[in-house]
Amino acid sequence: MNSINPIDTTQIQSMMQKLKTMAAQTEPPSSRPVATEEPAQHLDFGNVLKASLDKVNETQQTASQLGERFAKGDDTVNLSDVMIAGQKASIALQTTIQVRSRLVSAYNDIMNMQV
C-alpha cells in the first residue's frame, strides 16, 4: 500500500527559509543591498525558485559525475561518496517535487475561491 504523507506547515516554512537563504547566497556581493533602515527586503519569487532548482540540478549532476568516475575506476572516488551524493540528489528532488505539489495545490485552492 503506497500512501503519501502530507507535509505539515512547519516543513513548508522551513523550506521557504532555506530558499530565502540560498537566494541570498547566490547573489554576487555587489548586488546585495547594504544594510539600511528599510523595513523589509523584497525577494523575487522567480529568482528564489530558479536558484533552488539550479541547486537541485547541480546536486544531481554532481552525483551523476561521481557515479561515472567511480564506474570508470577513478581511485579518488569512494563508493560511500557516490552513495551519499546519490542520496542527497534523491532527497533534493523529492523535496522539490513535494514543494511543487504544495504550490500547485495552494494555487488551485486560490483559484477556486469565490470573490
Protein backbone atom coordinates (compact mmCIF):
# COMPACT_ATOMS: atom_id res chain seq x y z
CA MET A 1 0.00 0.00 0.00
CA ASN A 2 1.54 3.28 -1.11
CA SER A 3 0.35 6.27 0.89
CA ILE A 4 1.61 9.82 0.69
CA ASN A 5 2.09 11.63 3.96
CA PRO A 6 1.16 15.31 3.83
CA ILE A 7 3.77 17.91 4.71
CA ASP A 8 2.96 19.97 7.78
CA THR A 9 3.27 23.75 7.68
CA THR A 10 6.49 23.81 9.71
CA GLN A 11 8.25 21.91 6.92
CA ILE A 12 6.97 24.39 4.33
CA GLN A 13 8.10 27.34 6.44
CA SER A 14 11.48 25.69 6.92
CA MET A 15 11.80 25.11 3.15
CA MET A 16 10.87 28.75 2.41
CA GLN A 17 13.52 29.94 4.88
CA LYS A 18 16.09 27.69 3.18
CA LEU A 19 15.06 29.05 -0.23
CA LYS A 20 15.50 32.62 1.02
CA THR A 21 18.90 31.76 2.46
CA MET A 22 20.02 30.08 -0.77
CA ALA A 23 18.82 33.04 -2.81
CA ALA A 24 20.81 35.43 -0.65
CA GLN A 25 23.91 33.26 -1.07
CA THR A 26 23.64 33.06 -4.85
CA GLU A 27 23.61 36.83 -5.35
CA PRO A 28 27.01 38.39 -6.07
CA PRO A 29 28.23 40.58 -3.20
CA SER A 30 27.99 43.74 -5.30
CA SER A 31 24.25 43.22 -5.88
CA ARG A 32 23.39 42.59 -2.24
CA PRO A 33 21.71 45.55 -0.61
CA VAL A 34 23.68 47.38 2.02
CA ALA A 35 22.06 47.37 5.45
CA THR A 36 19.79 50.39 5.57
CA GLU A 37 16.79 51.45 7.55
CA GLU A 38 14.34 49.91 5.07
CA PRO A 39 11.78 47.76 6.89
CA ALA A 40 11.80 44.69 4.62
CA GLN A 41 13.83 43.24 1.79
CA HIS A 42 11.88 42.31 -1.35
CA LEU A 43 12.68 38.90 -2.75
CA ASP A 44 11.68 37.94 -6.25
CA PHE A 45 9.93 34.57 -6.02
CA GLY A 46 11.07 33.64 -9.52
CA ASN A 47 14.72 34.22 -8.65
CA VAL A 48 14.44 32.23 -5.42
CA LEU A 49 12.73 29.38 -7.23
CA LYS A 50 15.31 29.37 -10.03
CA ALA A 51 18.19 29.40 -7.54
CA SER A 52 16.76 26.44 -5.65
CA LEU A 53 16.09 24.48 -8.85
CA ASP A 54 19.63 25.23 -10.05
CA LYS A 55 20.97 23.92 -6.74
CA VAL A 56 18.95 20.69 -7.10
CA ASN A 57 20.21 20.30 -10.67
CA GLU A 58 23.79 20.88 -9.54
CA THR A 59 23.40 18.25 -6.82
CA GLN A 60 22.08 15.71 -9.34
CA GLN A 61 24.86 16.44 -11.83
CA THR A 62 27.49 16.07 -9.12
CA ALA A 63 26.04 12.70 -8.09
CA SER A 64 25.97 11.56 -11.72
CA GLN A 65 29.56 12.65 -12.33
CA LEU A 66 30.77 10.89 -9.18
CA GLY A 67 28.96 7.72 -10.25
CA GLU A 68 30.55 7.85 -13.71
CA ARG A 69 34.01 8.45 -12.25
CA PHE A 70 33.59 5.53 -9.84
CA ALA A 71 32.35 3.26 -12.66
CA LYS A 72 35.40 4.17 -14.75
CA GLY A 73 37.70 3.11 -11.90
CA ASP A 74 38.80 6.51 -10.56
CA ASP A 75 40.69 5.74 -7.33
CA THR A 76 39.94 9.18 -5.86
CA VAL A 77 36.20 8.42 -5.63
CA ASN A 78 34.91 6.16 -2.85
CA LEU A 79 31.72 4.14 -3.11
CA SER A 80 30.46 5.83 0.06
CA ASP A 81 30.91 9.27 -1.58
CA VAL A 82 28.92 8.09 -4.61
CA MET A 83 26.12 6.69 -2.44
CA ILE A 84 25.93 9.80 -0.25
CA ALA A 85 25.84 12.10 -3.29
CA GLY A 86 23.11 9.94 -4.82
CA GLN A 87 21.02 10.10 -1.66
CA LYS A 88 21.46 13.87 -1.41
CA ALA A 89 20.32 14.25 -5.01
CA SER A 90 17.34 11.97 -4.40
CA ILE A 91 16.26 13.84 -1.27
CA ALA A 92 16.65 17.21 -3.01
CA LEU A 93 14.50 16.03 -5.92
CA GLN A 94 11.83 14.54 -3.65
CA THR A 95 11.69 17.76 -1.63
CA THR A 96 11.38 19.82 -4.79
CA ILE A 97 8.54 17.61 -6.04
CA GLN A 98 6.69 17.93 -2.73
CA VAL A 99 7.11 21.71 -2.67
CA ARG A 100 5.85 21.87 -6.26
CA SER A 101 2.84 19.76 -5.33
CA ARG A 102 2.07 22.06 -2.40
CA LEU A 103 2.40 25.15 -4.57
CA VAL A 104 0.07 23.69 -7.21
CA SER A 105 -2.42 22.73 -4.51
CA ALA A 106 -2.29 26.23 -3.00
CA TYR A 107 -2.71 27.76 -6.46
CA ASN A 108 -5.75 25.57 -7.13
CA ASP A 109 -7.24 26.50 -3.76
CA ILE A 110 -6.81 30.20 -4.52
CA MET A 111 -8.28 29.82 -7.99
CA ASN A 112 -11.32 28.02 -6.59
CA MET A 113 -12.05 30.76 -4.03
CA GLN A 114 -15.14 32.79 -4.66
CA VAL A 115 -14.58 36.51 -4.77
